């Protein structure tokens, strides 16, 4: 097997993973359960959301 073939596979898989993470970051505000997980620290003050 050509060593560049293996490098190509790694680059493609890395690109797909980065794309999936990017999509998750973009869609995160639209997922209501993502921001309210058990163990989250919530601070409620007058001038702080």
PDB file of N, CA and C in Angstrom:
ATOM      1  N   UNK A   1       0.834  -1.178   0.000  1.00  0.00           N
ATOM      2  CA  UNK A   1       0.000   0.000   0.000  1.00  0.00           C
ATOM      3  C   UNK A   1       0.884   1.248   0.000  1.00  0.00           C
ATOM      4  N   UNK A   2       0.486   2.211  -0.734  1.00  0.00           N
ATOM      5  CA  UNK A   2       1.206   3.474  -0.828  1.00  0.00           C
ATOM      6  C   UNK A   2       1.035   4.260   0.483  1.00  0.00           C
ATOM      7  N   UNK A   3       2.125   4.800   1.059  1.00  0.00           N
ATOM      8  CA  UNK A   3       1.995   5.552   2.317  1.00  0.00           C
ATOM      9  C   UNK A   3       1.106   6.790   2.181  1.00  0.00           C
ATOM     10  N   UNK A   4       1.051   7.363   0.994  1.00  0.00           N
ATOM     11  CA  UNK A   4       0.187   8.529   0.804  1.00  0.00           C
ATOM     12  C   UNK A   4      -1.285   8.147   0.839  1.00  0.00           C
ATOM     13  N   UNK A   5      -1.598   6.900   0.501  1.00  0.00           N
ATOM     14  CA  UNK A   5      -2.977   6.425   0.561  1.00  0.00           C
ATOM     15  C   UNK A   5      -3.461   6.429   2.007  1.00  0.00           C
ATOM     16  N   UNK A   6      -2.620   5.975   2.924  1.00  0.00           N
ATOM     17  CA  UNK A   6      -2.977   5.973   4.346  1.00  0.00           C
ATOM     18  C   UNK A   6      -3.124   7.400   4.865  1.00  0.00           C
ATOM     19  N   UNK A   7      -2.246   8.280   4.444  1.00  0.00           N
ATOM     20  CA  UNK A   7      -2.336   9.680   4.855  1.00  0.00           C
ATOM     21  C   UNK A   7      -3.629  10.302   4.335  1.00  0.00           C
ATOM     22  N   UNK A   8      -3.997   9.957   3.131  1.00  0.00           N
ATOM     23  CA  UNK A   8      -5.248  10.461   2.556  1.00  0.00           C
ATOM     24  C   UNK A   8      -6.455  10.028   3.364  1.00  0.00           C
ATOM     25  N   UNK A   9      -6.461   8.761   3.785  1.00  0.00           N
ATOM     26  CA  UNK A   9      -7.560   8.258   4.614  1.00  0.00           C
ATOM     27  C   UNK A   9      -7.650   9.025   5.927  1.00  0.00           C
ATOM     28  N   UNK A  10      -6.503   9.246   6.555  1.00  0.00           N
ATOM     29  CA  UNK A  10      -6.472   9.969   7.831  1.00  0.00           C
ATOM     30  C   UNK A  10      -6.995  11.388   7.646  1.00  0.00           C
ATOM     31  N   UNK A  11      -6.588  12.051   6.579  1.00  0.00           N
ATOM     32  CA  UNK A  11      -7.042  13.418   6.329  1.00  0.00           C
ATOM     33  C   UNK A  11      -8.543  13.476   6.068  1.00  0.00           C
ATOM     34  N   UNK A  12      -9.071  12.517   5.347  1.00  0.00           N
ATOM     35  CA  UNK A  12     -10.508  12.484   5.072  1.00  0.00           C
ATOM     36  C   UNK A  12     -11.293  12.247   6.354  1.00  0.00           C
ATOM     37  N   UNK A  13     -10.860  11.300   7.167  1.00  0.00           N
ATOM     38  CA  UNK A  13     -11.553  11.011   8.425  1.00  0.00           C
ATOM     39  C   UNK A  13     -11.477  12.211   9.366  1.00  0.00           C
ATOM     40  N   UNK A  14     -10.323  12.864   9.419  1.00  0.00           N
ATOM     41  CA  UNK A  14     -10.178  14.056  10.258  1.00  0.00           C
ATOM     42  C   UNK A  14     -11.098  15.174   9.772  1.00  0.00           C
ATOM     43  N   UNK A  15     -11.189  15.349   8.483  1.00  0.00           N
ATOM     44  CA  UNK A  15     -12.077  16.374   7.922  1.00  0.00           C
ATOM     45  C   UNK A  15     -13.534  16.105   8.237  1.00  0.00           C
ATOM     46  N   UNK A  16     -13.940  14.850   8.143  1.00  0.00           N
ATOM     47  CA  UNK A  16     -15.321  14.485   8.469  1.00  0.00           C
ATOM     48  C   UNK A  16     -15.599  14.735   9.948  1.00  0.00           C
ATOM     49  N   UNK A  17     -14.644  14.397  10.811  1.00  0.00           N
ATOM     50  CA  UNK A  17     -14.820  14.620  12.250  1.00  0.00           C
ATOM     51  C   UNK A  17     -14.931  16.108  12.560  1.00  0.00           C
ATOM     52  N   UNK A  18     -14.089  16.927  11.942  1.00  0.00           N
ATOM     53  CA  UNK A  18     -14.147  18.376  12.169  1.00  0.00           C
ATOM     54  C   UNK A  18     -15.474  18.941  11.663  1.00  0.00           C
ATOM     55  N   UNK A  19     -15.952  18.444  10.539  1.00  0.00           N
ATOM     56  CA  UNK A  19     -17.237  18.888  10.007  1.00  0.00           C
ATOM     57  C   UNK A  19     -18.372  18.539  10.958  1.00  0.00           C
ATOM     58  N   UNK A  20     -18.360  17.329  11.502  1.00  0.00           N
ATOM     59  CA  UNK A  20     -19.402  16.911  12.451  1.00  0.00           C
ATOM     60  C   UNK A  20     -19.370  17.771  13.709  1.00  0.00           C
ATOM     61  N   UNK A  21     -18.192  18.074  14.210  1.00  0.00           N
ATOM     62  CA  UNK A  21     -18.073  18.935  15.392  1.00  0.00           C
ATOM     63  C   UNK A  21     -18.593  20.335  15.066  1.00  0.00           C
ATOM     64  N   UNK A  22     -18.286  20.840  13.898  1.00  0.00           N
ATOM     65  CA  UNK A  22     -18.770  22.158  13.491  1.00  0.00           C
ATOM     66  C   UNK A  22     -20.281  22.212  13.395  1.00  0.00           C
ATOM     67  N   UNK A  23     -20.885  21.176  12.836  1.00  0.00           N
ATOM     68  CA  UNK A  23     -22.345  21.111  12.747  1.00  0.00           C
ATOM     69  C   UNK A  23     -22.956  21.059  14.139  1.00  0.00           C
ATOM     70  N   UNK A  24     -22.349  20.306  15.034  1.00  0.00           N
ATOM     71  CA  UNK A  24     -22.845  20.223  16.409  1.00  0.00           C
ATOM     72  C   UNK A  24     -22.761  21.577  17.107  1.00  0.00           C
ATOM     73  N   UNK A  25     -21.686  22.305  16.882  1.00  0.00           N
ATOM     74  CA  UNK A  25     -21.535  23.635  17.494  1.00  0.00           C
ATOM     75  C   UNK A  25     -22.590  24.597  16.949  1.00  0.00           C
ATOM     76  N   UNK A  26     -22.883  24.513  15.662  1.00  0.00           N
ATOM     77  CA  UNK A  26     -23.887  25.392  15.063  1.00  0.00           C
ATOM     78  C   UNK A  26     -25.282  25.053  15.585  1.00  0.00           C
ATOM     79  N   UNK A  27     -25.575  23.775  15.741  1.00  0.00           N
ATOM     80  CA  UNK A  27     -26.910  23.357  16.168  1.00  0.00           C
ATOM     81  C   UNK A  27     -27.085  23.325  17.681  1.00  0.00           C
ATOM     82  N   UNK A  28     -26.033  23.502  18.448  1.00  0.00           N
ATOM     83  CA  UNK A  28     -26.100  23.393  19.911  1.00  0.00           C
ATOM     84  C   UNK A  28     -27.125  24.331  20.540  1.00  0.00           C
ATOM     85  N   UNK A  29     -27.239  25.589  20.127  1.00  0.00           N
ATOM     86  CA  UNK A  29     -28.245  26.453  20.757  1.00  0.00           C
ATOM     87  C   UNK A  29     -29.682  25.998  20.500  1.00  0.00           C
ATOM     88  N   UNK A  30     -29.903  25.223  19.467  1.00  0.00           N
ATOM     89  CA  UNK A  30     -31.253  24.769  19.138  1.00  0.00           C
ATOM     90  C   UNK A  30     -31.635  23.485  19.874  1.00  0.00           C
ATOM     91  N   UNK A  31     -30.691  22.871  20.565  1.00  0.00           N
ATOM     92  CA  UNK A  31     -30.968  21.653  21.320  1.00  0.00           C
ATOM     93  C   UNK A  31     -31.199  22.030  22.782  1.00  0.00           C
ATOM     94  N   UNK A  32     -32.446  21.979  23.246  1.00  0.00           N
ATOM     95  CA  UNK A  32     -32.736  22.463  24.601  1.00  0.00           C
ATOM     96  C   UNK A  32     -32.091  21.625  25.697  1.00  0.00           C
ATOM     97  N   UNK A  33     -31.888  20.356  25.475  1.00  0.00           N
ATOM     98  CA  UNK A  33     -31.335  19.479  26.510  1.00  0.00           C
ATOM     99  C   UNK A  33     -29.830  19.617  26.646  1.00  0.00           C
ATOM    100  N   UNK A  34     -29.174  20.242  25.672  1.00  0.00           N
ATOM    101  CA  UNK A  34     -27.717  20.324  25.698  1.00  0.00           C
ATOM    102  C   UNK A  34     -27.209  21.306  26.747  1.00  0.00           C
ATOM    103  N   UNK A  35     -27.949  22.361  27.026  1.00  0.00           N
ATOM    104  CA  UNK A  35     -27.492  23.361  27.975  1.00  0.00           C
ATOM    105  C   UNK A  35     -27.921  23.108  29.406  1.00  0.00           C
ATOM    106  N   UNK A  36     -28.709  22.082  29.643  1.00  0.00           N
ATOM    107  CA  UNK A  36     -29.229  21.819  30.986  1.00  0.00           C
ATOM    108  C   UNK A  36     -28.953  20.375  31.383  1.00  0.00           C
ATOM    109  N   UNK A  37     -27.700  20.059  31.507  1.00  0.00           N
ATOM    110  CA  UNK A  37     -27.304  18.703  31.860  1.00  0.00           C
ATOM    111  C   UNK A  37     -27.161  18.574  33.371  1.00  0.00           C
ATOM    112  N   UNK A  38     -27.333  17.373  33.917  1.00  0.00           N
ATOM    113  CA  UNK A  38     -27.123  17.181  35.350  1.00  0.00           C
ATOM    114  C   UNK A  38     -25.682  17.525  35.725  1.00  0.00           C
ATOM    115  N   UNK A  39     -25.519  18.241  36.814  1.00  0.00           N
ATOM    116  CA  UNK A  39     -24.186  18.620  37.251  1.00  0.00           C
ATOM    117  C   UNK A  39     -23.747  19.985  36.758  1.00  0.00           C
ATOM    118  N   UNK A  40     -24.561  20.634  35.922  1.00  0.00           N
ATOM    119  CA  UNK A  40     -24.226  21.980  35.460  1.00  0.00           C
ATOM    120  C   UNK A  40     -24.305  22.959  36.623  1.00  0.00           C
ATOM    121  N   UNK A  41     -23.402  23.909  36.642  1.00  0.00           N
ATOM    122  CA  UNK A  41     -23.410  24.954  37.660  1.00  0.00           C
ATOM    123  C   UNK A  41     -24.237  26.115  37.127  1.00  0.00           C
ATOM    124  N   UNK A  42     -25.280  26.487  37.873  1.00  0.00           N
ATOM    125  CA  UNK A  42     -26.170  27.564  37.456  1.00  0.00           C
ATOM    126  C   UNK A  42     -26.064  28.693  38.468  1.00  0.00           C
ATOM    127  N   UNK A  43     -25.736  29.878  37.987  1.00  0.00           N
ATOM    128  CA  UNK A  43     -25.643  31.062  38.841  1.00  0.00           C
ATOM    129  C   UNK A  43     -26.729  32.031  38.390  1.00  0.00           C
ATOM    130  N   UNK A  44     -27.653  32.344  39.299  1.00  0.00           N
ATOM    131  CA  UNK A  44     -28.741  33.273  38.978  1.00  0.00           C
ATOM    132  C   UNK A  44     -28.578  34.518  39.835  1.00  0.00           C
ATOM    133  N   UNK A  45     -28.282  35.622  39.171  1.00  0.00           N
ATOM    134  CA  UNK A  45     -28.179  36.917  39.837  1.00  0.00           C
ATOM    135  C   UNK A  45     -28.971  37.933  39.034  1.00  0.00           C
ATOM    136  N   UNK A  46     -29.138  39.109  39.599  1.00  0.00           N
ATOM    137  CA  UNK A  46     -29.943  40.137  38.960  1.00  0.00           C
ATOM    138  C   UNK A  46     -29.386  40.556  37.598  1.00  0.00           C
ATOM    139  N   UNK A  47     -28.098  40.774  37.494  1.00  0.00           N
ATOM    140  CA  UNK A  47     -27.492  41.251  36.251  1.00  0.00           C
ATOM    141  C   UNK A  47     -26.766  40.148  35.483  1.00  0.00           C
ATOM    142  N   UNK A  48     -27.095  38.920  35.749  1.00  0.00           N
ATOM    143  CA  UNK A  48     -26.411  37.794  35.116  1.00  0.00           C
ATOM    144  C   UNK A  48     -27.436  36.764  34.693  1.00  0.00           C
ATOM    145  N   UNK A  49     -27.313  36.304  33.477  1.00  0.00           N
ATOM    146  CA  UNK A  49     -28.236  35.275  33.007  1.00  0.00           C
ATOM    147  C   UNK A  49     -27.748  33.915  33.349  1.00  0.00           C
TER     148      UNK A  49
END
